[in-house]
C-alpha atoms as a PDB file:
ATOM      1  CA  MET A   1     -29.666 -42.705 -47.179  1.00  0.00           C
ATOM      2  CA  GLU A   2     -26.622 -42.675 -49.465  1.00  0.00           C
ATOM      3  CA  ALA A   3     -27.811 -39.457 -51.115  1.00  0.00           C
ATOM      4  CA  PHE A   4     -28.206 -37.839 -47.673  1.00  0.00           C
ATOM      5  CA  ILE A   5     -24.670 -38.812 -46.664  1.00  0.00           C
ATOM      6  CA  ILE A   6     -23.198 -37.484 -49.902  1.00  0.00           C
ATOM      7  CA  GLU A   7     -25.246 -34.271 -49.644  1.00  0.00           C
ATOM      8  CA  TYR A   8     -24.387 -33.716 -45.983  1.00  0.00           C
ATOM      9  CA  PHE A   9     -20.667 -34.443 -46.089  1.00  0.00           C
ATOM     10  CA  PHE A  10     -19.682 -33.378 -49.601  1.00  0.00           C
ATOM     11  CA  THR A  11     -21.761 -30.236 -50.138  1.00  0.00           C
ATOM     12  CA  GLU A  12     -20.877 -27.015 -48.363  1.00  0.00           C
ATOM     13  CA  HIS A  13     -23.653 -25.731 -46.152  1.00  0.00           C
ATOM     14  CA  PRO A  14     -22.899 -22.634 -44.092  1.00  0.00           C
ATOM     15  CA  ASN A  15     -22.526 -23.305 -40.407  1.00  0.00           C
ATOM     16  CA  CYS A  16     -24.012 -20.919 -37.859  1.00  0.00           C
ATOM     17  CA  GLU A  17     -20.935 -18.767 -37.501  1.00  0.00           C
ATOM     18  CA  LEU A  18     -20.484 -18.293 -41.244  1.00  0.00           C
ATOM     19  CA  ALA A  19     -24.204 -17.673 -41.809  1.00  0.00           C
ATOM     20  CA  SER A  20     -24.413 -15.184 -38.910  1.00  0.00           C
ATOM     21  CA  PHE A  21     -21.143 -13.284 -39.277  1.00  0.00           C
ATOM     22  CA  GLY A  22     -19.817 -13.996 -42.772  1.00  0.00           C
ATOM     23  CA  ILE A  23     -16.509 -15.313 -41.413  1.00  0.00           C
ATOM     24  CA  GLN A  24     -15.604 -18.132 -39.072  1.00  0.00           C
ATOM     25  CA  TRP A  25     -13.370 -16.565 -36.434  1.00  0.00           C
ATOM     26  CA  LEU A  26     -14.204 -19.058 -33.682  1.00  0.00           C
ATOM     27  CA  ASN A  27     -13.693 -22.005 -36.001  1.00  0.00           C
ATOM     28  CA  LEU A  28     -10.371 -20.640 -37.182  1.00  0.00           C
ATOM     29  CA  LEU A  29      -9.278 -19.896 -33.618  1.00  0.00           C
ATOM     30  CA  SER A  30     -10.363 -23.305 -32.332  1.00  0.00           C
ATOM     31  CA  ASN A  31      -8.260 -24.939 -35.059  1.00  0.00           C
ATOM     32  CA  LEU A  32      -5.213 -23.805 -33.076  1.00  0.00           C
ATOM     33  CA  VAL A  33      -5.919 -26.734 -30.757  1.00  0.00           C
ATOM     34  CA  PHE A  34      -4.972 -29.107 -33.593  1.00  0.00           C
ATOM     35  CA  PHE A  35      -1.598 -27.386 -33.885  1.00  0.00           C
ATOM     36  CA  ILE A  36      -1.045 -27.566 -30.119  1.00  0.00           C
ATOM     37  CA  VAL A  37      -1.913 -31.270 -30.091  1.00  0.00           C
ATOM     38  CA  ALA A  38       0.337 -31.865 -33.106  1.00  0.00           C
ATOM     39  CA  TYR A  39       3.216 -30.199 -31.272  1.00  0.00           C
ATOM     40  CA  LEU A  40       2.607 -32.145 -28.029  1.00  0.00           C
ATOM     41  CA  LEU A  41       2.435 -35.473 -29.847  1.00  0.00           C
ATOM     42  CA  TYR A  42       5.493 -34.674 -31.938  1.00  0.00           C
ATOM     43  CA  ARG A  43       7.442 -33.991 -28.731  1.00  0.00           C
ATOM     44  CA  LEU A  44       6.491 -37.417 -27.356  1.00  0.00           C
ATOM     45  CA  GLY A  45       8.569 -39.014 -30.106  1.00  0.00           C
ATOM     46  CA  GLY A  46       8.240 -42.509 -31.541  1.00  0.00           C
ATOM     47  CA  ARG A  47       5.017 -43.330 -33.347  1.00  0.00           C
ATOM     48  CA  ALA A  48       3.255 -40.472 -31.546  1.00  0.00           C
ATOM     49  CA  ARG A  49       5.454 -38.148 -33.610  1.00  0.00           C
ATOM     50  CA  TRP A  50       3.879 -39.503 -36.815  1.00  0.00           C
ATOM     51  CA  ILE A  51       0.394 -39.043 -35.402  1.00  0.00           C
ATOM     52  CA  GLY A  52       1.399 -35.487 -34.515  1.00  0.00           C
ATOM     53  CA  LEU A  53       2.351 -34.869 -38.147  1.00  0.00           C
ATOM     54  CA  LEU A  54      -0.991 -36.281 -39.296  1.00  0.00           C
ATOM     55  CA  VAL A  55      -2.805 -34.031 -36.811  1.00  0.00           C
ATOM     56  CA  LEU A  56      -0.866 -31.096 -38.260  1.00  0.00           C
ATOM     57  CA  VAL A  57      -2.030 -31.998 -41.785  1.00  0.00           C
ATOM     58  CA  SER A  58      -5.595 -32.319 -40.495  1.00  0.00           C
ATOM     59  CA  GLY A  59      -5.402 -28.911 -38.820  1.00  0.00           C
ATOM     60  CA  ILE A  60      -4.101 -27.316 -42.018  1.00  0.00           C
ATOM     61  CA  GLY A  61      -6.898 -28.966 -44.012  1.00  0.00           C
ATOM     62  CA  SER A  62      -9.468 -27.666 -41.562  1.00  0.00           C
ATOM     63  CA  TYR A  63      -8.024 -24.153 -41.849  1.00  0.00           C
ATOM     64  CA  VAL A  64      -8.246 -24.340 -45.631  1.00  0.00           C
ATOM     65  CA  HIS A  65     -11.886 -25.331 -45.452  1.00  0.00           C
ATOM     66  CA  HIS A  66     -12.855 -22.703 -42.873  1.00  0.00           C
ATOM     67  CA  ILE A  67     -11.038 -19.926 -44.726  1.00  0.00           C
ATOM     68  CA  TRP A  68     -12.541 -20.920 -48.102  1.00  0.00           C
ATOM     69  CA  PRO A  69     -15.801 -22.754 -47.292  1.00  0.00           C
ATOM     70  CA  ALA A  70     -16.834 -24.413 -50.548  1.00  0.00           C
ATOM     71  CA  ASP A  71     -17.506 -27.863 -51.973  1.00  0.00           C
ATOM     72  CA  TRP A  72     -13.917 -28.102 -53.273  1.00  0.00           C
ATOM     73  CA  SER A  73     -12.412 -27.517 -49.797  1.00  0.00           C
ATOM     74  CA  ILE A  74     -14.447 -30.154 -47.946  1.00  0.00           C
ATOM     75  CA  PRO A  75     -12.026 -33.020 -48.749  1.00  0.00           C
ATOM     76  CA  PHE A  76      -9.129 -30.976 -47.317  1.00  0.00           C
ATOM     77  CA  ASP A  77     -11.008 -30.846 -44.026  1.00  0.00           C
ATOM     78  CA  MET A  78     -12.646 -34.254 -43.905  1.00  0.00           C
ATOM     79  CA  PHE A  79     -10.212 -36.807 -45.342  1.00  0.00           C
ATOM     80  CA  PRO A  80      -7.163 -35.954 -43.199  1.00  0.00           C
ATOM     81  CA  ALA A  81      -9.383 -35.937 -40.088  1.00  0.00           C
ATOM     82  CA  VAL A  82     -10.811 -39.379 -40.865  1.00  0.00           C
ATOM     83  CA  ILE A  83      -7.372 -40.777 -41.685  1.00  0.00           C
ATOM     84  CA  VAL A  84      -5.651 -39.461 -38.553  1.00  0.00           C
ATOM     85  CA  GLY A  85      -8.556 -40.592 -36.365  1.00  0.00           C
ATOM     86  CA  ALA A  86      -8.517 -44.112 -37.800  1.00  0.00           C
ATOM     87  CA  VAL A  87      -4.724 -44.435 -37.631  1.00  0.00           C
ATOM     88  CA  ALA A  88      -4.527 -43.062 -34.074  1.00  0.00           C
ATOM     89  CA  LEU A  89      -7.286 -45.364 -32.833  1.00  0.00           C
ATOM     90  CA  GLY A  90      -5.867 -48.338 -34.709  1.00  0.00           C
ATOM     91  CA  LEU A  91      -2.395 -47.901 -33.230  1.00  0.00           C
ATOM     92  CA  SER A  92      -3.506 -47.097 -29.689  1.00  0.00           C
ATOM     93  CA  TYR A  93      -6.596 -49.167 -28.925  1.00  0.00           C
ATOM     94  CA  LYS A  94      -4.659 -51.983 -27.212  1.00  0.00           C
ATOM     95  CA  ASN A  95      -2.943 -49.487 -24.908  1.00  0.00           C
ATOM     96  CA  LEU A  96      -6.016 -47.500 -23.897  1.00  0.00           C
ATOM     97  CA  THR A  97      -7.024 -47.803 -20.252  1.00  0.00           C
ATOM     98  CA  ARG A  98     -10.575 -47.951 -18.922  1.00  0.00           C
ATOM     99  CA  ASP A  99     -10.288 -44.273 -18.011  1.00  0.00           C
ATOM    100  CA  ASP A 100      -9.108 -43.455 -21.549  1.00  0.00           C
ATOM    101  CA  TRP A 101     -12.181 -45.189 -22.996  1.00  0.00           C
ATOM    102  CA  LEU A 102     -14.489 -43.337 -20.591  1.00  0.00           C
ATOM    103  CA  LEU A 103     -12.877 -40.028 -21.552  1.00  0.00           C
ATOM    104  CA  PHE A 104     -13.188 -40.930 -25.211  1.00  0.00           C
ATOM    105  CA  LEU A 105     -16.875 -41.796 -24.834  1.00  0.00           C
ATOM    106  CA  GLY A 106     -17.615 -38.602 -22.915  1.00  0.00           C
ATOM    107  CA  ILE A 107     -15.670 -36.257 -25.155  1.00  0.00           C
ATOM    108  CA  GLY A 108     -16.758 -38.144 -28.276  1.00  0.00           C
ATOM    109  CA  THR A 109     -20.414 -37.756 -27.301  1.00  0.00           C
ATOM    110  CA  ILE A 110     -19.944 -34.012 -26.829  1.00  0.00           C
ATOM    111  CA  ALA A 111     -18.106 -33.781 -30.154  1.00  0.00           C
ATOM    112  CA  LEU A 112     -20.760 -35.689 -32.054  1.00  0.00           C
ATOM    113  CA  LEU A 113     -23.648 -33.762 -30.476  1.00  0.00           C
ATOM    114  CA  THR A 114     -22.083 -30.390 -31.273  1.00  0.00           C
ATOM    115  CA  LEU A 115     -21.424 -31.478 -34.853  1.00  0.00           C
ATOM    116  CA  LEU A 116     -24.952 -32.770 -35.379  1.00  0.00           C
ATOM    117  CA  LEU A 117     -26.842 -30.035 -33.514  1.00  0.00           C
ATOM    118  CA  ASP A 118     -24.914 -27.034 -34.830  1.00  0.00           C
ATOM    119  CA  ASP A 119     -27.412 -26.154 -37.570  1.00  0.00           C
ATOM    120  CA  ASP A 120     -30.463 -26.816 -35.386  1.00  0.00           C
ATOM    121  CA  LEU A 121     -29.291 -24.496 -32.607  1.00  0.00           C
ATOM    122  CA  CYS A 122     -28.305 -21.510 -34.788  1.00  0.00           C
ATOM    123  CA  GLN A 123     -31.274 -19.453 -33.637  1.00  0.00           C
ATOM    124  CA  PHE A 124     -30.148 -19.836 -30.016  1.00  0.00           C
ATOM    125  CA  VAL A 125     -26.376 -19.818 -30.488  1.00  0.00           C
ATOM    126  CA  PRO A 126     -25.560 -17.579 -33.487  1.00  0.00           C
ATOM    127  CA  PHE A 127     -21.824 -18.316 -33.377  1.00  0.00           C
ATOM    128  CA  GLY A 128     -22.586 -22.038 -33.474  1.00  0.00           C
ATOM    129  CA  LEU A 129     -21.102 -25.071 -31.799  1.00  0.00           C
ATOM    130  CA  HIS A 130     -18.639 -26.205 -34.441  1.00  0.00           C
ATOM    131  CA  PHE A 131     -15.677 -24.800 -32.528  1.00  0.00           C
ATOM    132  CA  ILE A 132     -16.481 -27.290 -29.742  1.00  0.00           C
ATOM    133  CA  TRP A 133     -16.179 -30.069 -32.317  1.00  0.00           C
ATOM    134  CA  HIS A 134     -12.639 -28.867 -33.134  1.00  0.00           C
ATOM    135  CA  VAL A 135     -11.547 -28.788 -29.487  1.00  0.00           C
ATOM    136  CA  SER A 136     -13.174 -32.153 -28.726  1.00  0.00           C
ATOM    137  CA  ALA A 137     -11.747 -33.887 -31.801  1.00  0.00           C
ATOM    138  CA  ALA A 138      -8.233 -32.571 -31.116  1.00  0.00           C
ATOM    139  CA  THR A 139      -8.499 -33.703 -27.491  1.00  0.00           C
ATOM    140  CA  ILE A 140      -9.505 -37.195 -28.592  1.00  0.00           C
ATOM    141  CA  LEU A 141      -6.580 -37.331 -31.009  1.00  0.00           C
ATOM    142  CA  TYR A 142      -4.249 -36.412 -28.173  1.00  0.00           C
ATOM    143  CA  LEU A 143      -5.756 -39.107 -25.929  1.00  0.00           C
ATOM    144  CA  PHE A 144      -5.152 -41.734 -28.606  1.00  0.00           C
ATOM    145  CA  GLY A 145      -1.795 -40.399 -29.749  1.00  0.00           C
ATOM    146  CA  ARG A 146      -0.214 -40.412 -26.303  1.00  0.00           C
ATOM    147  CA  ARG A 147      -1.020 -44.118 -25.908  1.00  0.00           C
ATOM    148  CA  ILE A 148       0.748 -45.254 -29.061  1.00  0.00           C
END
């Protein structure tokens, strides 16, 4: 199991869009949502401002990885995303309403399914589903960040 996790998360494997078109336009475009969320959280002020800055770093890391998809760029994409997600959830979980949790579960399910099924659905969706992961993840970060 450990070898699978290391192989899956730390070794570049082309997603549908890259394999089909040689460049990841949708993934790069969908990364703009991270910058929008970063701006909206920064404008809220207080601790949300710091989450906004972390979302900005995560968005930049994701851009780096999708412009130069390689083993060396994976940490730029993955580590900031994990850190901002953990910090945002940790600071906001006491303030989340029932509706927030339901939104999180719904959007989180969509995000996880698109991330996991992207490779399997390439033959049906040549541009892939990874862009939906970007939009869903950024939306979740906004949901958490606004409740800090």
